[in-house]
Amino acid sequence: MLLQFISNLFESDEDDQNLYDIVIQINDKVSPLDRRNLYMLPLNDFLTENHYGEISGGGILKEEPGEIIFCDIHVKFYQEEISKAILNEIINFVEICGAPKGSKVIIEKTHQEIPFGKNEGIAIYFDGKNSPEKDQQDYDVDFVQAEISKLTNTSQERYWKGNATTGLYFYGKSFDKMKDNVSHFMHTYPLYKTARIAQIA
């Protein structure tokens, strides 16, 4: 039942008949468009330019409320066997693209898992239904997201808006440092006084 439940939540852009040799599971709460621009297009160029292979599909896994858990990229190699050195090159490239800690490569033939990732992630969750009509700037998600992005020195922001909860995600070198940098800001703006902080990478 659980596997069926997870399968139904997995939004895939891969043909069922399309084979792959490895799955690159990226611990990033990234939208389908950002997954394409940040990871898939650069990685596919890297693979084809080096004659290693190409992207054959992938998808995004969501929890029941609709929040993204992680994204997958499936890779098909041109050669039957792939060396450890080439796998390390691929991993290093995806890390340069921003892959956070908690990511992994899964080798389809052996089911071996290779963990990787360098960035850490912070999530800030708040109740989006409690915003008062006055002082809208204090509660404007885009404004607050931009301010936190400056404080955390992050350039790529992600967010999720559920029925009752909004989550903002930021990825950088240190969760603890990002948390410290946003602490004063969160106590300054009423919306964030009761917000919940979680480490996501």
N, C-alpha and C. Protein backbone atom coordinates (compact mmCIF):
# COMPACT_ATOMS: atom_id res chain seq x y z
N MET A 1 0.83 -1.20 0.00
CA MET A 1 0.00 0.00 0.00
C MET A 1 0.86 1.25 0.00
N LEU A 2 1.94 1.23 0.81
CA LEU A 2 2.80 2.38 0.88
C LEU A 2 3.49 2.63 -0.45
N LEU A 3 3.98 1.55 -1.08
CA LEU A 3 4.65 1.71 -2.36
C LEU A 3 3.70 2.24 -3.42
N GLN A 4 2.47 1.77 -3.41
CA GLN A 4 1.49 2.28 -4.36
C GLN A 4 1.19 3.74 -4.09
N PHE A 5 1.11 4.09 -2.82
CA PHE A 5 0.85 5.47 -2.43
C PHE A 5 1.96 6.38 -2.92
N ILE A 6 3.22 5.94 -2.73
CA ILE A 6 4.35 6.74 -3.17
C ILE A 6 4.38 6.83 -4.68
N SER A 7 4.12 5.71 -5.34
CA SER A 7 4.14 5.70 -6.80
C SER A 7 3.14 6.68 -7.38
N ASN A 8 1.97 6.76 -6.78
CA ASN A 8 0.95 7.67 -7.28
C ASN A 8 1.35 9.12 -7.13
N LEU A 9 2.23 9.40 -6.17
CA LEU A 9 2.64 10.77 -5.94
C LEU A 9 3.85 11.17 -6.77
N PHE A 10 4.46 10.20 -7.44
CA PHE A 10 5.67 10.49 -8.18
C PHE A 10 5.32 11.00 -9.57
N GLU A 11 5.64 12.25 -9.81
CA GLU A 11 5.38 12.87 -11.12
C GLU A 11 6.58 12.62 -12.02
N SER A 12 6.41 11.74 -12.99
CA SER A 12 7.53 11.34 -13.83
C SER A 12 7.35 11.86 -15.25
N ASP A 13 8.49 12.19 -15.89
CA ASP A 13 8.45 12.57 -17.29
C ASP A 13 9.20 11.54 -18.13
N GLU A 14 9.20 10.30 -17.66
CA GLU A 14 9.91 9.23 -18.35
C GLU A 14 8.93 8.20 -18.90
N ASP A 15 9.18 7.75 -20.12
CA ASP A 15 8.41 6.69 -20.74
C ASP A 15 8.67 5.38 -19.99
N ASP A 16 7.63 4.60 -19.77
CA ASP A 16 7.79 3.33 -19.06
C ASP A 16 8.78 2.40 -19.74
N GLN A 17 8.94 2.53 -21.07
CA GLN A 17 9.84 1.66 -21.81
C GLN A 17 11.27 2.21 -21.85
N ASN A 18 11.48 3.39 -21.30
CA ASN A 18 12.79 4.03 -21.37
C ASN A 18 13.68 3.48 -20.27
N LEU A 19 14.81 2.89 -20.64
CA LEU A 19 15.70 2.27 -19.67
C LEU A 19 16.71 3.29 -19.15
N TYR A 20 17.28 2.98 -17.98
CA TYR A 20 18.31 3.84 -17.42
C TYR A 20 19.29 2.98 -16.65
N ASP A 21 20.50 3.53 -16.47
CA ASP A 21 21.55 2.80 -15.76
C ASP A 21 21.74 3.30 -14.34
N ILE A 22 21.54 4.60 -14.11
CA ILE A 22 21.64 5.14 -12.76
C ILE A 22 20.49 6.12 -12.51
N VAL A 23 20.15 6.24 -11.25
CA VAL A 23 19.21 7.26 -10.80
C VAL A 23 19.98 8.25 -9.94
N ILE A 24 19.90 9.52 -10.29
CA ILE A 24 20.50 10.56 -9.47
C ILE A 24 19.37 11.18 -8.66
N GLN A 25 19.34 10.85 -7.37
CA GLN A 25 18.29 11.35 -6.49
C GLN A 25 18.82 12.58 -5.76
N ILE A 26 18.22 13.73 -6.04
CA ILE A 26 18.71 15.00 -5.51
C ILE A 26 17.79 15.47 -4.39
N ASN A 27 18.35 15.65 -3.21
CA ASN A 27 17.60 16.04 -2.03
C ASN A 27 17.31 17.55 -2.07
N ASP A 28 16.49 17.92 -3.03
CA ASP A 28 16.20 19.33 -3.29
C ASP A 28 14.70 19.48 -3.52
N LYS A 29 14.07 20.36 -2.75
CA LYS A 29 12.63 20.61 -2.91
C LYS A 29 12.44 21.59 -4.06
N VAL A 30 12.73 21.13 -5.25
CA VAL A 30 12.80 21.99 -6.42
C VAL A 30 11.60 21.73 -7.33
N SER A 31 11.08 22.78 -7.94
CA SER A 31 9.94 22.65 -8.85
C SER A 31 10.38 21.95 -10.13
N PRO A 32 9.43 21.40 -10.90
CA PRO A 32 9.81 20.76 -12.17
C PRO A 32 10.59 21.68 -13.11
N LEU A 33 10.18 22.95 -13.19
CA LEU A 33 10.88 23.88 -14.08
C LEU A 33 12.30 24.15 -13.60
N ASP A 34 12.46 24.36 -12.29
CA ASP A 34 13.80 24.60 -11.75
C ASP A 34 14.66 23.35 -11.83
N ARG A 35 14.05 22.19 -11.64
CA ARG A 35 14.81 20.94 -11.81
C ARG A 35 15.38 20.86 -13.22
N ARG A 36 14.58 21.24 -14.19
CA ARG A 36 15.02 21.21 -15.58
C ARG A 36 16.18 22.19 -15.81
N ASN A 37 16.01 23.43 -15.32
CA ASN A 37 17.00 24.48 -15.60
C ASN A 37 18.26 24.33 -14.76
N LEU A 38 18.12 23.92 -13.51
CA LEU A 38 19.26 23.86 -12.60
C LEU A 38 20.06 22.58 -12.73
N TYR A 39 19.38 21.48 -13.04
CA TYR A 39 20.05 20.18 -13.03
C TYR A 39 20.02 19.46 -14.37
N MET A 40 18.84 19.28 -14.94
CA MET A 40 18.70 18.40 -16.10
C MET A 40 19.42 18.93 -17.34
N LEU A 41 19.19 20.19 -17.71
CA LEU A 41 19.81 20.72 -18.92
C LEU A 41 21.33 20.78 -18.81
N PRO A 42 21.87 21.35 -17.71
CA PRO A 42 23.34 21.37 -17.59
C PRO A 42 23.94 19.96 -17.56
N LEU A 43 23.30 19.04 -16.84
CA LEU A 43 23.83 17.68 -16.74
C LEU A 43 23.78 16.97 -18.07
N ASN A 44 22.70 17.14 -18.82
CA ASN A 44 22.60 16.49 -20.13
C ASN A 44 23.69 17.00 -21.07
N ASP A 45 23.95 18.31 -21.03
CA ASP A 45 25.03 18.87 -21.85
C ASP A 45 26.37 18.27 -21.44
N PHE A 46 26.59 18.15 -20.13
CA PHE A 46 27.84 17.57 -19.63
C PHE A 46 28.00 16.12 -20.09
N LEU A 47 26.94 15.35 -20.01
CA LEU A 47 27.00 13.94 -20.39
C LEU A 47 27.26 13.76 -21.88
N THR A 48 26.54 14.51 -22.69
CA THR A 48 26.68 14.35 -24.15
C THR A 48 28.01 14.91 -24.66
N GLU A 49 28.45 16.02 -24.10
CA GLU A 49 29.72 16.60 -24.54
C GLU A 49 30.91 15.68 -24.24
N ASN A 50 30.79 14.93 -23.14
CA ASN A 50 31.87 14.01 -22.77
C ASN A 50 31.63 12.60 -23.30
N HIS A 51 30.54 12.42 -24.07
CA HIS A 51 30.19 11.12 -24.67
C HIS A 51 29.98 10.04 -23.61
N TYR A 52 29.44 10.43 -22.46
CA TYR A 52 29.16 9.47 -21.40
C TYR A 52 27.76 8.85 -21.54
N GLY A 53 26.79 9.68 -21.91
CA GLY A 53 25.42 9.21 -21.99
C GLY A 53 24.47 10.37 -22.10
N GLU A 54 23.23 10.15 -21.69
CA GLU A 54 22.22 11.20 -21.78
C GLU A 54 21.13 10.94 -20.74
N ILE A 55 20.37 11.98 -20.45
CA ILE A 55 19.26 11.87 -19.52
C ILE A 55 18.09 11.18 -20.21
N SER A 56 17.53 10.17 -19.55
CA SER A 56 16.43 9.42 -20.14
C SER A 56 15.09 9.67 -19.45
N GLY A 57 15.09 10.48 -18.39
CA GLY A 57 13.83 10.76 -17.70
C GLY A 57 14.07 11.16 -16.26
N GLY A 58 13.04 10.99 -15.44
CA GLY A 58 13.13 11.35 -14.03
C GLY A 58 11.78 11.79 -13.51
N GLY A 59 11.79 12.42 -12.36
CA GLY A 59 10.52 12.86 -11.79
C GLY A 59 10.71 13.58 -10.48
N ILE A 60 9.60 13.87 -9.83
CA ILE A 60 9.60 14.56 -8.54
C ILE A 60 8.67 13.81 -7.60
N LEU A 61 9.14 13.54 -6.37
CA LEU A 61 8.33 12.85 -5.38
C LEU A 61 7.73 13.86 -4.41
N LYS A 62 6.41 13.74 -4.18
CA LYS A 62 5.70 14.65 -3.29
C LYS A 62 5.08 13.89 -2.13
N GLU A 63 4.97 14.58 -1.01
CA GLU A 63 4.21 14.06 0.12
C GLU A 63 2.73 14.31 -0.13
N GLU A 64 1.89 13.73 0.73
CA GLU A 64 0.44 13.82 0.53
C GLU A 64 -0.08 15.26 0.43
N PRO A 65 0.41 16.22 1.25
CA PRO A 65 -0.12 17.59 1.11
C PRO A 65 0.32 18.29 -0.17
N GLY A 66 1.29 17.71 -0.88
CA GLY A 66 1.78 18.31 -2.11
C GLY A 66 3.18 18.88 -2.01
N GLU A 67 3.78 18.79 -0.83
CA GLU A 67 5.14 19.31 -0.67
C GLU A 67 6.14 18.36 -1.33
N ILE A 68 7.09 18.91 -2.07
CA ILE A 68 8.09 18.11 -2.75
C ILE A 68 9.10 17.56 -1.74
N ILE A 69 9.46 16.28 -1.91
CA ILE A 69 10.46 15.65 -1.06
C ILE A 69 11.83 15.70 -1.75
N PHE A 70 11.90 15.19 -2.97
CA PHE A 70 13.15 15.22 -3.72
C PHE A 70 12.85 15.04 -5.20
N CYS A 71 13.87 15.16 -6.03
CA CYS A 71 13.70 14.92 -7.46
C CYS A 71 14.68 13.86 -7.92
N ASP A 72 14.31 13.17 -8.98
CA ASP A 72 15.12 12.12 -9.59
C ASP A 72 15.50 12.51 -11.01
N ILE A 73 16.71 12.12 -11.41
CA ILE A 73 17.14 12.22 -12.80
C ILE A 73 17.68 10.85 -13.21
N HIS A 74 17.18 10.32 -14.31
CA HIS A 74 17.61 9.00 -14.79
C HIS A 74 18.59 9.18 -15.94
N VAL A 75 19.67 8.44 -15.89
CA VAL A 75 20.74 8.56 -16.89
C VAL A 75 20.97 7.22 -17.57
N LYS A 76 21.05 7.25 -18.88
CA LYS A 76 21.40 6.07 -19.69
C LYS A 76 22.78 6.29 -20.28
N PHE A 77 23.70 5.35 -20.03
CA PHE A 77 25.06 5.48 -20.54
C PHE A 77 25.18 4.91 -21.95
N TYR A 78 26.11 5.46 -22.70
CA TYR A 78 26.37 4.96 -24.05
C TYR A 78 27.11 3.62 -24.00
N GLN A 79 27.98 3.45 -23.00
CA GLN A 79 28.73 2.21 -22.86
C GLN A 79 28.05 1.29 -21.85
N GLU A 80 28.30 0.01 -21.99
CA GLU A 80 27.66 -0.95 -21.11
C GLU A 80 28.16 -0.84 -19.68
N GLU A 81 29.46 -0.59 -19.53
CA GLU A 81 30.05 -0.45 -18.20
C GLU A 81 30.50 0.99 -18.00
N ILE A 82 30.35 1.47 -16.80
CA ILE A 82 30.75 2.84 -16.48
C ILE A 82 31.75 2.79 -15.33
N SER A 83 32.80 3.56 -15.43
CA SER A 83 33.86 3.51 -14.42
C SER A 83 33.51 4.35 -13.20
N LYS A 84 34.20 4.04 -12.10
CA LYS A 84 34.02 4.80 -10.87
C LYS A 84 34.46 6.25 -11.08
N ALA A 85 35.50 6.43 -11.89
CA ALA A 85 36.00 7.78 -12.15
C ALA A 85 34.95 8.63 -12.84
N ILE A 86 34.23 8.05 -13.80
CA ILE A 86 33.19 8.80 -14.51
C ILE A 86 32.02 9.10 -13.58
N LEU A 87 31.67 8.14 -12.73
CA LEU A 87 30.61 8.38 -11.75
C LEU A 87 30.98 9.54 -10.83
N ASN A 88 32.25 9.59 -10.42
CA ASN A 88 32.70 10.68 -9.56
C ASN A 88 32.64 12.02 -10.30
N GLU A 89 32.96 12.01 -11.59
CA GLU A 89 32.86 13.24 -12.39
C GLU A 89 31.41 13.74 -12.42
N ILE A 90 30.49 12.80 -12.61
CA ILE A 90 29.07 13.16 -12.66
C ILE A 90 28.61 13.71 -11.32
N ILE A 91 29.00 13.04 -10.24
CA ILE A 91 28.63 13.50 -8.91
C ILE A 91 29.19 14.89 -8.64
N ASN A 92 30.45 15.12 -8.98
CA ASN A 92 31.07 16.43 -8.78
C ASN A 92 30.33 17.52 -9.56
N PHE A 93 29.90 17.17 -10.77
CA PHE A 93 29.20 18.15 -11.59
C PHE A 93 27.85 18.52 -10.97
N VAL A 94 27.12 17.50 -10.51
CA VAL A 94 25.81 17.78 -9.91
C VAL A 94 25.97 18.57 -8.60
N GLU A 95 27.05 18.34 -7.88
CA GLU A 95 27.32 19.14 -6.69
C GLU A 95 27.60 20.58 -7.06
N ILE A 96 28.30 20.80 -8.15
CA ILE A 96 28.55 22.17 -8.62
C ILE A 96 27.23 22.84 -8.98
N CYS A 97 26.29 22.07 -9.51
CA CYS A 97 24.97 22.61 -9.84
C CYS A 97 24.17 22.97 -8.60
N GLY A 98 24.62 22.50 -7.42
CA GLY A 98 23.96 22.86 -6.17
C GLY A 98 23.34 21.74 -5.38
N ALA A 99 23.60 20.49 -5.77
CA ALA A 99 22.96 19.36 -5.08
C ALA A 99 23.25 19.38 -3.58
N PRO A 100 22.22 19.33 -2.73
CA PRO A 100 22.42 19.37 -1.28
C PRO A 100 22.83 18.01 -0.71
N LYS A 101 23.27 18.05 0.55
CA LYS A 101 23.55 16.82 1.29
C LYS A 101 22.28 15.96 1.34
N GLY A 102 22.47 14.67 1.41
CA GLY A 102 21.32 13.75 1.41
C GLY A 102 20.97 13.26 0.02
N SER A 103 21.68 13.74 -0.99
CA SER A 103 21.48 13.25 -2.35
C SER A 103 22.23 11.93 -2.52
N LYS A 104 21.88 11.17 -3.56
CA LYS A 104 22.57 9.90 -3.80
C LYS A 104 22.41 9.45 -5.24
N VAL A 105 23.38 8.66 -5.68
CA VAL A 105 23.31 7.97 -6.97
C VAL A 105 22.97 6.51 -6.69
N ILE A 106 21.99 6.01 -7.41
CA ILE A 106 21.59 4.60 -7.27
C ILE A 106 21.92 3.89 -8.58
N ILE A 107 22.78 2.88 -8.50
CA ILE A 107 23.16 2.11 -9.69
C ILE A 107 22.11 1.02 -9.91
N GLU A 108 21.45 1.07 -11.03
CA GLU A 108 20.31 0.19 -11.29
C GLU A 108 20.69 -1.28 -11.26
N LYS A 109 21.84 -1.63 -11.83
CA LYS A 109 22.22 -3.04 -11.95
C LYS A 109 22.50 -3.68 -10.60
N THR A 110 23.17 -2.96 -9.72
CA THR A 110 23.59 -3.54 -8.43
C THR A 110 22.80 -2.99 -7.24
N HIS A 111 22.01 -1.94 -7.47
CA HIS A 111 21.26 -1.26 -6.41
C HIS A 111 22.18 -0.59 -5.38
N GLN A 112 23.45 -0.43 -5.74
CA GLN A 112 24.39 0.27 -4.86
C GLN A 112 24.00 1.74 -4.78
N GLU A 113 24.13 2.32 -3.59
CA GLU A 113 23.82 3.73 -3.38
C GLU A 113 25.09 4.48 -3.00
N ILE A 114 25.32 5.60 -3.67
CA ILE A 114 26.49 6.43 -3.41
C ILE A 114 26.01 7.80 -2.93
N PRO A 115 26.17 8.10 -1.64
CA PRO A 115 25.70 9.39 -1.13
C PRO A 115 26.60 10.54 -1.59
N PHE A 116 26.01 11.70 -1.78
CA PHE A 116 26.79 12.88 -2.14
C PHE A 116 26.00 14.13 -1.79
N GLY A 117 26.58 15.28 -2.07
CA GLY A 117 25.94 16.56 -1.80
C GLY A 117 26.76 17.40 -0.84
N LYS A 118 26.78 18.72 -1.06
CA LYS A 118 27.59 19.61 -0.23
C LYS A 118 26.76 20.66 0.49
N ASN A 119 25.78 21.22 -0.16
CA ASN A 119 24.99 22.28 0.45
C ASN A 119 24.09 21.75 1.56
N GLU A 120 23.80 22.62 2.54
CA GLU A 120 22.81 22.31 3.56
C GLU A 120 21.57 23.15 3.30
N GLY A 121 20.44 22.73 3.86
CA GLY A 121 19.18 23.40 3.57
C GLY A 121 18.40 23.76 4.80
N ILE A 122 17.72 24.90 4.74
CA ILE A 122 16.85 25.35 5.82
C ILE A 122 15.45 25.59 5.26
N ALA A 123 14.46 25.12 6.00
CA ALA A 123 13.06 25.35 5.62
C ALA A 123 12.40 26.19 6.71
N ILE A 124 11.59 27.15 6.30
CA ILE A 124 10.83 27.98 7.23
C ILE A 124 9.36 27.82 6.89
N TYR A 125 8.60 27.26 7.82
CA TYR A 125 7.18 27.01 7.60
C TYR A 125 6.35 27.97 8.45
N PHE A 126 5.31 28.53 7.83
CA PHE A 126 4.41 29.40 8.59
C PHE A 126 2.99 29.23 8.09
N ASP A 127 2.05 29.63 8.94
CA ASP A 127 0.64 29.52 8.63
C ASP A 127 0.26 30.68 7.73
N GLY A 128 -0.01 30.40 6.46
CA GLY A 128 -0.31 31.45 5.50
C GLY A 128 -1.71 32.00 5.61
N LYS A 129 -2.55 31.42 6.47
CA LYS A 129 -3.93 31.89 6.58
C LYS A 129 -4.10 33.00 7.62
N ASN A 130 -3.07 33.25 8.40
CA ASN A 130 -3.21 34.19 9.49
C ASN A 130 -2.68 35.58 9.19
N SER A 131 -2.45 35.90 7.92
CA SER A 131 -1.91 37.20 7.57
C SER A 131 -2.98 38.29 7.70
N PRO A 132 -2.75 39.32 8.50
CA PRO A 132 -3.72 40.40 8.61
C PRO A 132 -3.70 41.29 7.39
N GLU A 133 -4.75 42.06 7.21
CA GLU A 133 -4.84 42.91 6.03
C GLU A 133 -3.89 44.10 6.12
N LYS A 134 -3.60 44.60 7.32
CA LYS A 134 -2.71 45.74 7.45
C LYS A 134 -1.26 45.29 7.40
N ASP A 135 -0.39 46.23 7.11
CA ASP A 135 1.04 45.96 7.05
C ASP A 135 1.33 44.77 6.15
N GLN A 136 0.81 44.83 4.93
CA GLN A 136 0.94 43.69 4.03
C GLN A 136 2.39 43.37 3.69
N GLN A 137 3.26 44.41 3.72
CA GLN A 137 4.65 44.14 3.37
C GLN A 137 5.28 43.15 4.35
N ASP A 138 4.84 43.23 5.61
CA ASP A 138 5.37 42.32 6.61
C ASP A 138 4.99 40.87 6.32
N TYR A 139 3.94 40.70 5.51
CA TYR A 139 3.41 39.35 5.29
C TYR A 139 3.53 38.92 3.83
N ASP A 140 4.09 39.77 3.00
CA ASP A 140 4.24 39.44 1.60
C ASP A 140 5.33 38.38 1.44
N VAL A 141 4.96 37.23 0.91
CA VAL A 141 5.89 36.10 0.82
C VAL A 141 7.08 36.44 -0.06
N ASP A 142 6.84 37.09 -1.19
CA ASP A 142 7.94 37.43 -2.09
C ASP A 142 8.94 38.37 -1.42
N PHE A 143 8.41 39.36 -0.69
CA PHE A 143 9.28 40.31 0.02
C PHE A 143 10.10 39.60 1.08
N VAL A 144 9.44 38.79 1.89
CA VAL A 144 10.13 38.09 2.97
C VAL A 144 11.14 37.10 2.41
N GLN A 145 10.77 36.43 1.35
CA GLN A 145 11.68 35.47 0.72
C GLN A 145 12.94 36.17 0.22
N ALA A 146 12.77 37.34 -0.39
CA ALA A 146 13.91 38.10 -0.90
C ALA A 146 14.81 38.55 0.25
N GLU A 147 14.21 38.98 1.36
CA GLU A 147 15.00 39.44 2.50
C GLU A 147 15.81 38.29 3.11
N ILE A 148 15.16 37.13 3.26
CA ILE A 148 15.86 35.99 3.83
C ILE A 148 16.96 35.50 2.89
N SER A 149 16.71 35.60 1.59
CA SER A 149 17.71 35.22 0.61
C SER A 149 18.97 36.07 0.76
N LYS A 150 18.78 37.36 1.03
CA LYS A 150 19.94 38.24 1.25
C LYS A 150 20.68 37.85 2.52
N LEU A 151 19.91 37.59 3.58
CA LEU A 151 20.52 37.26 4.86
C LEU A 151 21.27 35.93 4.82
N THR A 152 20.79 34.98 4.03
CA THR A 152 21.42 33.67 3.94
C THR A 152 22.42 33.58 2.79
N ASN A 153 22.49 34.66 2.00
CA ASN A 153 23.42 34.69 0.86
C ASN A 153 23.15 33.54 -0.11
N THR A 154 21.87 33.34 -0.40
CA THR A 154 21.47 32.30 -1.35
C THR A 154 20.84 32.95 -2.58
N SER A 155 21.07 32.36 -3.73
CA SER A 155 20.56 32.94 -4.97
C SER A 155 19.37 32.18 -5.54
N GLN A 156 19.22 30.91 -5.16
CA GLN A 156 18.11 30.11 -5.66
C GLN A 156 17.14 29.84 -4.53
N GLU A 157 15.91 30.35 -4.64
CA GLU A 157 14.92 30.13 -3.60
C GLU A 157 13.85 29.16 -4.09
N ARG A 158 13.34 28.36 -3.18
CA ARG A 158 12.22 27.48 -3.47
C ARG A 158 11.12 27.76 -2.46
N TYR A 159 9.91 27.48 -2.84
CA TYR A 159 8.80 27.65 -1.90
C TYR A 159 7.69 26.69 -2.25
N TRP A 160 6.83 26.48 -1.25
CA TRP A 160 5.65 25.64 -1.44
C TRP A 160 4.49 26.27 -0.69
N LYS A 161 3.34 26.39 -1.35
CA LYS A 161 2.15 26.94 -0.72
C LYS A 161 1.08 25.87 -0.65
N GLY A 162 0.81 25.41 0.57
CA GLY A 162 -0.25 24.45 0.78
C GLY A 162 -1.55 25.15 1.13
N ASN A 163 -2.55 24.39 1.52
CA ASN A 163 -3.84 24.97 1.88
C ASN A 163 -3.74 25.85 3.12
N ALA A 164 -2.92 25.44 4.08
CA ALA A 164 -2.82 26.20 5.33
C ALA A 164 -1.39 26.58 5.67
N THR A 165 -0.41 26.02 4.97
CA THR A 165 0.99 26.24 5.31
C THR A 165 1.79 26.67 4.09
N THR A 166 2.71 27.57 4.32
CA THR A 166 3.67 27.96 3.29
C THR A 166 5.06 27.61 3.77
N GLY A 167 5.85 27.02 2.89
CA GLY A 167 7.22 26.68 3.23
C GLY A 167 8.19 27.39 2.31
N LEU A 168 9.22 28.00 2.90
CA LEU A 168 10.29 28.63 2.13
C LEU A 168 11.56 27.82 2.34
N TYR A 169 12.30 27.56 1.26
CA TYR A 169 13.48 26.71 1.33
C TYR A 169 14.70 27.48 0.82
N PHE A 170 15.80 27.34 1.56
CA PHE A 170 17.04 28.01 1.17
C PHE A 170 18.19 27.02 1.35
N TYR A 171 19.13 27.03 0.40
CA TYR A 171 20.26 26.11 0.42
C TYR A 171 21.56 26.89 0.41
N GLY A 172 22.45 26.56 1.35
CA GLY A 172 23.74 27.24 1.45
C GLY A 172 24.76 26.33 2.11
N LYS A 173 25.88 26.90 2.51
CA LYS A 173 26.98 26.09 3.05
C LYS A 173 26.71 25.57 4.45
N SER A 174 25.96 26.35 5.26
CA SER A 174 25.79 25.96 6.66
C SER A 174 24.38 26.24 7.14
N PHE A 175 23.69 25.19 7.61
CA PHE A 175 22.36 25.37 8.18
C PHE A 175 22.41 26.26 9.41
N ASP A 176 23.37 25.99 10.30
CA ASP A 176 23.46 26.76 11.55
C ASP A 176 23.69 28.24 11.28
N LYS A 177 24.53 28.55 10.32
CA LYS A 177 24.80 29.95 10.00
C LYS A 177 23.58 30.61 9.40
N MET A 178 22.87 29.91 8.52
CA MET A 178 21.66 30.48 7.92
C MET A 178 20.60 30.71 8.99
N LYS A 179 20.47 29.76 9.91
CA LYS A 179 19.49 29.89 10.99
C LYS A 179 19.81 31.10 11.86
N ASP A 180 21.09 31.28 12.20
CA ASP A 180 21.49 32.43 13.01
C ASP A 180 21.22 33.74 12.27
N ASN A 181 21.47 33.76 10.97
CA ASN A 181 21.31 34.98 10.20
C ASN A 181 19.86 35.43 10.05
N VAL A 182 18.92 34.49 10.11
CA VAL A 182 17.51 34.86 9.94
C VAL A 182 16.79 35.01 11.27
N SER A 183 17.46 34.70 12.38
CA SER A 183 16.81 34.71 13.69
C SER A 183 16.24 36.09 14.03
N HIS A 184 17.04 37.14 13.90
CA HIS A 184 16.56 38.48 14.24
C HIS A 184 15.43 38.90 13.31
N PHE A 185 15.57 38.60 12.03
CA PHE A 185 14.54 38.97 11.06
C PHE A 185 13.21 38.34 11.41
N MET A 186 13.24 37.06 11.81
CA MET A 186 12.00 36.35 12.10
C MET A 186 11.30 36.92 13.33
N HIS A 187 12.06 37.47 14.28
CA HIS A 187 11.44 38.07 15.45
C HIS A 187 10.96 39.49 15.16
N THR A 188 11.45 40.09 14.09
CA THR A 188 11.05 41.44 13.71
C THR A 188 9.72 41.44 12.98
N TYR A 189 9.50 40.44 12.13
CA TYR A 189 8.28 40.39 11.32
C TYR A 189 7.27 39.46 11.99
N PRO A 190 6.06 39.97 12.27
CA PRO A 190 5.06 39.21 13.04
C PRO A 190 4.74 37.85 12.45
N LEU A 191 4.73 37.73 11.14
CA LEU A 191 4.36 36.47 10.51
C LEU A 191 5.29 35.34 10.93
N TYR A 192 6.53 35.68 11.22
CA TYR A 192 7.54 34.65 11.46
C TYR A 192 7.82 34.38 12.92
N LYS A 193 7.13 35.07 13.82
CA LYS A 193 7.36 34.84 15.25
C LYS A 193 7.00 33.41 15.66
N THR A 194 6.03 32.83 14.99
CA THR A 194 5.60 31.47 15.31
C THR A 194 6.00 30.47 14.22
N ALA A 195 6.87 30.91 13.32
CA ALA A 195 7.27 30.03 12.22
C ALA A 195 8.12 28.86 12.74
N ARG A 196 8.07 27.77 12.01
CA ARG A 196 8.85 26.58 12.36
C ARG A 196 10.03 26.43 11.43
N ILE A 197 11.21 26.22 12.01
CA ILE A 197 12.43 26.05 11.22
C ILE A 197 12.82 24.58 11.23
N ALA A 198 13.23 24.08 10.07
CA ALA A 198 13.66 22.68 9.98
C ALA A 198 14.88 22.58 9.06
N GLN A 199 15.76 21.67 9.39
CA GLN A 199 16.90 21.40 8.50
C GLN A 199 16.47 20.34 7.50
N ILE A 200 16.65 20.64 6.23
CA ILE A 200 16.20 19.75 5.16
C ILE A 200 17.36 19.16 4.35
N ALA A 201 18.58 19.53 4.69
CA ALA A 201 19.76 18.94 4.03
C ALA A 201 20.99 19.22 4.89
